[in-house]
Amino acid sequence: MDECITKEMTKSLLKAFEGINESLEDFQKACASTIESTEKHIVSALFLRESAMLIKLAESSFVTRWYYKHKYREAKYHRIKAERFFNQNFK
């Protein structure tokens, strides 16, 4: 009698843990997808800022060229830094 109860309890616990394992796998996939989309969003926003600074640099006069060159280099640095961070930590 005790053996039947123990076997049934073991089977029910096994099913419960299998369900938890499946849920954790789904959660891991969702987190990976979220991280990837966030990475793409951040890098694309930084690329747009870099492009805007490049356009302003091209349109600037001799007097303001040094300012926009600095801003363009800064934007480029931030984009490269973000790309390296995501490539090292999430791939």
Protein backbone atom coordinates (compact mmCIF):
# COMPACT_ATOMS: atom_id res chain seq x y z
CA MET A 1 0.00 0.00 0.00
CA ASP A 2 2.77 2.43 0.94
CA GLU A 3 4.66 1.52 -2.23
CA CYS A 4 1.69 2.48 -4.42
CA ILE A 5 1.36 5.85 -2.73
CA THR A 6 5.09 6.47 -3.07
CA LYS A 7 5.06 5.54 -6.78
CA GLU A 8 2.05 7.76 -7.47
CA MET A 9 3.62 10.62 -5.57
CA THR A 10 6.88 10.16 -7.46
CA LYS A 11 5.05 10.20 -10.80
CA SER A 12 3.11 13.34 -9.92
CA LEU A 13 6.28 15.11 -8.74
CA LEU A 14 8.07 14.05 -11.93
CA LYS A 15 5.26 15.51 -14.07
CA ALA A 16 5.33 18.72 -12.05
CA PHE A 17 9.08 19.14 -12.49
CA GLU A 18 8.82 18.38 -16.22
CA GLY A 19 6.25 21.17 -16.46
CA ILE A 20 8.56 23.53 -14.60
CA ASN A 21 11.41 22.58 -16.92
CA GLU A 22 9.30 23.36 -20.01
CA SER A 23 8.24 26.68 -18.50
CA LEU A 24 11.84 27.61 -17.78
CA GLU A 25 12.85 26.79 -21.36
CA ASP A 26 10.06 29.01 -22.68
CA PHE A 27 11.11 31.79 -20.31
CA GLN A 28 14.72 31.49 -21.45
CA LYS A 29 13.67 31.80 -25.10
CA ALA A 30 11.55 34.85 -24.30
CA CYS A 31 14.42 36.50 -22.42
CA ALA A 32 16.84 35.84 -25.27
CA SER A 33 14.40 37.35 -27.74
CA THR A 34 13.93 40.41 -25.53
CA ILE A 35 17.66 40.92 -25.15
CA GLU A 36 18.21 40.60 -28.90
CA SER A 37 15.49 43.09 -29.78
CA THR A 38 16.74 45.54 -27.13
CA GLU A 39 20.27 45.22 -28.51
CA LYS A 40 19.09 45.94 -32.04
CA HIS A 41 17.07 48.93 -30.87
CA ILE A 42 19.94 50.47 -28.92
CA VAL A 43 22.52 49.97 -31.67
CA SER A 44 20.18 51.32 -34.35
CA ALA A 45 19.39 54.41 -32.24
CA LEU A 46 23.10 55.03 -31.74
CA PHE A 47 23.71 54.55 -35.45
CA LEU A 48 21.01 57.11 -36.26
CA ARG A 49 22.64 59.59 -33.89
CA GLU A 50 26.02 58.95 -35.51
CA SER A 51 24.49 59.49 -38.97
CA ALA A 52 22.86 62.73 -37.87
CA MET A 53 26.18 64.03 -36.56
CA LEU A 54 27.89 63.03 -39.83
CA ILE A 55 25.29 64.97 -41.81
CA LYS A 56 25.75 68.01 -39.56
CA LEU A 57 29.51 67.70 -39.97
CA ALA A 58 29.18 67.65 -43.76
CA GLU A 59 26.89 70.69 -43.71
CA SER A 60 28.90 72.69 -41.18
CA SER A 61 31.01 75.70 -41.92
CA PHE A 62 34.70 76.04 -41.25
CA VAL A 63 34.03 77.66 -37.87
CA THR A 64 31.74 74.95 -36.49
CA ARG A 65 33.44 71.96 -38.14
CA TRP A 66 35.62 71.21 -35.10
CA TYR A 67 32.50 71.00 -32.87
CA TYR A 68 30.60 68.62 -35.12
CA LYS A 69 33.72 66.53 -35.73
CA HIS A 70 33.98 66.05 -31.96
CA LYS A 71 30.27 65.20 -31.68
CA TYR A 72 30.52 62.74 -34.59
CA ARG A 73 33.53 60.98 -33.06
CA GLU A 74 31.76 60.80 -29.72
CA ALA A 75 28.62 59.28 -31.29
CA LYS A 76 30.73 56.79 -33.25
CA TYR A 77 32.59 55.81 -30.07
CA HIS A 78 29.32 55.18 -28.19
CA ARG A 79 27.94 53.02 -31.02
CA ILE A 80 31.12 50.93 -31.24
CA LYS A 81 31.22 50.59 -27.46
CA ALA A 82 27.62 49.32 -27.38
CA GLU A 83 28.25 46.86 -30.22
CA ARG A 84 31.31 45.46 -28.47
CA PHE A 85 29.43 45.18 -25.18
CA PHE A 86 26.59 43.20 -26.75
CA ASN A 87 28.93 40.99 -28.77
CA GLN A 88 31.07 40.12 -25.74
CA ASN A 89 28.27 39.55 -23.24
CA PHE A 90 25.40 38.05 -25.19
CA LYS A 91 26.90 36.02 -28.03
